[in-house]
Amino acid sequence: MKCKSVAQYDKKVRIEKPNGTADAHGHVDLTNDDNWQLVISPFCSCMSKGGREFWKVAQVNADVSHVWKTQYSKTLINCTTDHRLVFDGHEYEILSIVDVDLDNREIEIQTRRAV
């Protein structure tokens, strides 16, 4: 099965990593946007999952609220759950990043809306 055409990836997102200065106790305030650095800004498609569906195969313990798909990128596949996805001013916790069918063509990012 071929991945979506580029035109179907219609939402530009930001993938960011924590990059702040720790305070005296070694804590970085991740609620402050200044403590995040842009890693990559791909175009994605998005599917809402309603917040109660689980991806049981990978045994993700948290509810997946949105699944984002985009073209494969070495930069993106090396991101981790420490990163976050930002779209339209809303933040999403990254729960997993998967190379769909292991063919280096499409990536699926499973997220949960950050509170």
C-alpha atoms as a PDB file:
ATOM      1  CA  MET A   1       0.000   0.000   0.000  1.00  0.00           C
ATOM      2  CA  LYS A   2       1.402   3.382  -0.987  1.00  0.00           C
ATOM      3  CA  CYS A   3       1.518   6.288   1.428  1.00  0.00           C
ATOM      4  CA  LYS A   4      -0.649   9.333   0.975  1.00  0.00           C
ATOM      5  CA  SER A   5       0.206  11.919  -1.622  1.00  0.00           C
ATOM      6  CA  VAL A   6       1.938  15.009  -0.344  1.00  0.00           C
ATOM      7  CA  ALA A   7      -1.255  17.029  -0.946  1.00  0.00           C
ATOM      8  CA  GLN A   8      -3.082  14.964   1.696  1.00  0.00           C
ATOM      9  CA  TYR A   9      -0.675  16.122   4.399  1.00  0.00           C
ATOM     10  CA  ASP A  10      -2.465  19.402   5.036  1.00  0.00           C
ATOM     11  CA  LYS A  11      -1.567  20.327   8.612  1.00  0.00           C
ATOM     12  CA  LYS A  12       1.807  21.902   9.394  1.00  0.00           C
ATOM     13  CA  VAL A  13       2.972  20.835  12.843  1.00  0.00           C
ATOM     14  CA  ARG A  14       6.013  21.542  14.983  1.00  0.00           C
ATOM     15  CA  ILE A  15       7.994  18.805  16.661  1.00  0.00           C
ATOM     16  CA  GLU A  16       9.922  20.320  19.543  1.00  0.00           C
ATOM     17  CA  LYS A  17      12.406  19.041  22.104  1.00  0.00           C
ATOM     18  CA  PRO A  18      13.026  20.333  25.617  1.00  0.00           C
ATOM     19  CA  ASN A  19      15.910  22.784  25.638  1.00  0.00           C
ATOM     20  CA  GLY A  20      15.788  24.921  28.716  1.00  0.00           C
ATOM     21  CA  THR A  21      18.082  25.950  31.507  1.00  0.00           C
ATOM     22  CA  ALA A  22      17.608  24.031  34.718  1.00  0.00           C
ATOM     23  CA  ASP A  23      16.913  25.919  37.914  1.00  0.00           C
ATOM     24  CA  ALA A  24      18.883  25.430  41.151  1.00  0.00           C
ATOM     25  CA  HIS A  25      17.065  22.135  41.764  1.00  0.00           C
ATOM     26  CA  GLY A  26      17.801  20.764  38.281  1.00  0.00           C
ATOM     27  CA  HIS A  27      14.216  21.276  37.097  1.00  0.00           C
ATOM     28  CA  VAL A  28      13.363  22.710  33.666  1.00  0.00           C
ATOM     29  CA  ASP A  29       9.971  24.433  33.435  1.00  0.00           C
ATOM     30  CA  LEU A  30       8.423  22.701  30.398  1.00  0.00           C
ATOM     31  CA  THR A  31       5.270  24.813  30.685  1.00  0.00           C
ATOM     32  CA  ASN A  32       7.340  27.737  29.378  1.00  0.00           C
ATOM     33  CA  ASP A  33       7.465  27.717  25.551  1.00  0.00           C
ATOM     34  CA  ASP A  34      10.912  29.346  25.698  1.00  0.00           C
ATOM     35  CA  ASN A  35      12.246  26.039  27.038  1.00  0.00           C
ATOM     36  CA  TRP A  36      11.396  24.162  23.818  1.00  0.00           C
ATOM     37  CA  GLN A  37      13.409  24.070  20.577  1.00  0.00           C
ATOM     38  CA  LEU A  38      12.091  23.298  17.087  1.00  0.00           C
ATOM     39  CA  VAL A  39      13.399  20.009  15.672  1.00  0.00           C
ATOM     40  CA  ILE A  40      11.345  19.649  12.496  1.00  0.00           C
ATOM     41  CA  SER A  41       8.142  21.120  11.074  1.00  0.00           C
ATOM     42  CA  PRO A  42       6.511  18.572   8.745  1.00  0.00           C
ATOM     43  CA  PHE A  43       3.119  18.579   7.061  1.00  0.00           C
ATOM     44  CA  CYS A  44       0.846  15.828   8.440  1.00  0.00           C
ATOM     45  CA  SER A  45      -2.606  14.377   8.155  1.00  0.00           C
ATOM     46  CA  CYS A  46      -4.510  13.883  11.395  1.00  0.00           C
ATOM     47  CA  MET A  47      -7.108  11.429  12.645  1.00  0.00           C
ATOM     48  CA  SER A  48      -8.869  11.978  15.972  1.00  0.00           C
ATOM     49  CA  LYS A  49      -9.251   8.912  18.145  1.00  0.00           C
ATOM     50  CA  GLY A  50     -11.637  10.273  20.748  1.00  0.00           C
ATOM     51  CA  GLY A  51      -9.198   9.836  23.620  1.00  0.00           C
ATOM     52  CA  ARG A  52     -10.323   6.377  24.755  1.00  0.00           C
ATOM     53  CA  GLU A  53      -8.815   4.099  22.128  1.00  0.00           C
ATOM     54  CA  PHE A  54      -5.623   2.228  22.863  1.00  0.00           C
ATOM     55  CA  TRP A  55      -3.034   0.855  20.520  1.00  0.00           C
ATOM     56  CA  LYS A  56      -2.858  -2.526  22.194  1.00  0.00           C
ATOM     57  CA  VAL A  57      -0.150  -3.970  19.941  1.00  0.00           C
ATOM     58  CA  ALA A  58       2.425  -1.544  21.322  1.00  0.00           C
ATOM     59  CA  GLN A  59       0.797  -1.589  24.764  1.00  0.00           C
ATOM     60  CA  VAL A  60       0.691   2.169  25.093  1.00  0.00           C
ATOM     61  CA  ASN A  61      -0.640   2.823  28.588  1.00  0.00           C
ATOM     62  CA  ALA A  62      -2.108   6.238  27.840  1.00  0.00           C
ATOM     63  CA  ASP A  63      -5.103   7.113  25.734  1.00  0.00           C
ATOM     64  CA  VAL A  64      -4.236   8.070  22.173  1.00  0.00           C
ATOM     65  CA  SER A  65      -6.277  11.123  21.187  1.00  0.00           C
ATOM     66  CA  HIS A  66      -4.781  11.867  17.747  1.00  0.00           C
ATOM     67  CA  VAL A  67      -2.773   9.962  15.168  1.00  0.00           C
ATOM     68  CA  TRP A  68      -0.668  12.049  12.787  1.00  0.00           C
ATOM     69  CA  LYS A  69       0.823  10.671   9.579  1.00  0.00           C
ATOM     70  CA  THR A  70       3.587  12.219   7.509  1.00  0.00           C
ATOM     71  CA  GLN A  71       6.300  11.342   5.043  1.00  0.00           C
ATOM     72  CA  TYR A  72       9.295   9.465   6.404  1.00  0.00           C
ATOM     73  CA  SER A  73      12.156  11.561   7.741  1.00  0.00           C
ATOM     74  CA  LYS A  74      15.331  10.400   9.506  1.00  0.00           C
ATOM     75  CA  THR A  75      15.079  13.412  11.793  1.00  0.00           C
ATOM     76  CA  LEU A  76      11.505  12.615  12.762  1.00  0.00           C
ATOM     77  CA  ILE A  77      11.956   8.869  13.257  1.00  0.00           C
ATOM     78  CA  ASN A  78      14.733   9.653  15.763  1.00  0.00           C
ATOM     79  CA  CYS A  79      12.464  11.813  17.927  1.00  0.00           C
ATOM     80  CA  THR A  80      11.329  10.372  21.258  1.00  0.00           C
ATOM     81  CA  THR A  81       8.501  10.640  23.760  1.00  0.00           C
ATOM     82  CA  ASP A  82      10.441  13.518  25.368  1.00  0.00           C
ATOM     83  CA  HIS A  83       9.492  15.625  22.339  1.00  0.00           C
ATOM     84  CA  ARG A  84       6.124  17.271  21.812  1.00  0.00           C
ATOM     85  CA  LEU A  85       3.937  18.042  18.803  1.00  0.00           C
ATOM     86  CA  VAL A  86       2.379  21.499  18.478  1.00  0.00           C
ATOM     87  CA  PHE A  87      -0.453  22.280  16.066  1.00  0.00           C
ATOM     88  CA  ASP A  88      -2.612  25.390  15.912  1.00  0.00           C
ATOM     89  CA  GLY A  89      -1.441  26.533  19.344  1.00  0.00           C
ATOM     90  CA  HIS A  90      -2.289  23.201  20.998  1.00  0.00           C
ATOM     91  CA  GLU A  91       0.307  20.900  22.517  1.00  0.00           C
ATOM     92  CA  TYR A  92       0.277  17.112  22.197  1.00  0.00           C
ATOM     93  CA  GLU A  93       2.361  14.615  24.139  1.00  0.00           C
ATOM     94  CA  ILE A  94       4.077  12.147  21.821  1.00  0.00           C
ATOM     95  CA  LEU A  95       3.329   8.576  22.904  1.00  0.00           C
ATOM     96  CA  SER A  96       5.046   6.782  20.023  1.00  0.00           C
ATOM     97  CA  ILE A  97       6.587   7.316  16.611  1.00  0.00           C
ATOM     98  CA  VAL A  98       6.296   4.408  14.190  1.00  0.00           C
ATOM     99  CA  ASP A  99       7.778   3.711  10.754  1.00  0.00           C
ATOM    100  CA  VAL A 100       4.618   2.378   9.058  1.00  0.00           C
ATOM    101  CA  ASP A 101       5.265  -1.090   7.593  1.00  0.00           C
ATOM    102  CA  LEU A 102       9.015  -0.539   8.222  1.00  0.00           C
ATOM    103  CA  ASP A 103       9.488   0.674   4.663  1.00  0.00           C
ATOM    104  CA  ASN A 104      10.814   4.216   5.337  1.00  0.00           C
ATOM    105  CA  ARG A 105       7.920   5.864   3.479  1.00  0.00           C
ATOM    106  CA  GLU A 106       5.460   7.053   6.119  1.00  0.00           C
ATOM    107  CA  ILE A 107       5.611   7.810   9.836  1.00  0.00           C
ATOM    108  CA  GLU A 108       2.751   7.603  12.302  1.00  0.00           C
ATOM    109  CA  ILE A 109       2.912   9.785  15.424  1.00  0.00           C
ATOM    110  CA  GLN A 110       0.535   8.805  18.199  1.00  0.00           C
ATOM    111  CA  THR A 111      -0.266  11.611  20.594  1.00  0.00           C
ATOM    112  CA  ARG A 112      -2.394  12.649  23.523  1.00  0.00           C
ATOM    113  CA  ARG A 113      -3.614  16.209  23.957  1.00  0.00           C
ATOM    114  CA  ALA A 114      -1.497  17.824  26.670  1.00  0.00           C
ATOM    115  CA  VAL A 115      -3.349  19.196  29.659  1.00  0.00           C
END
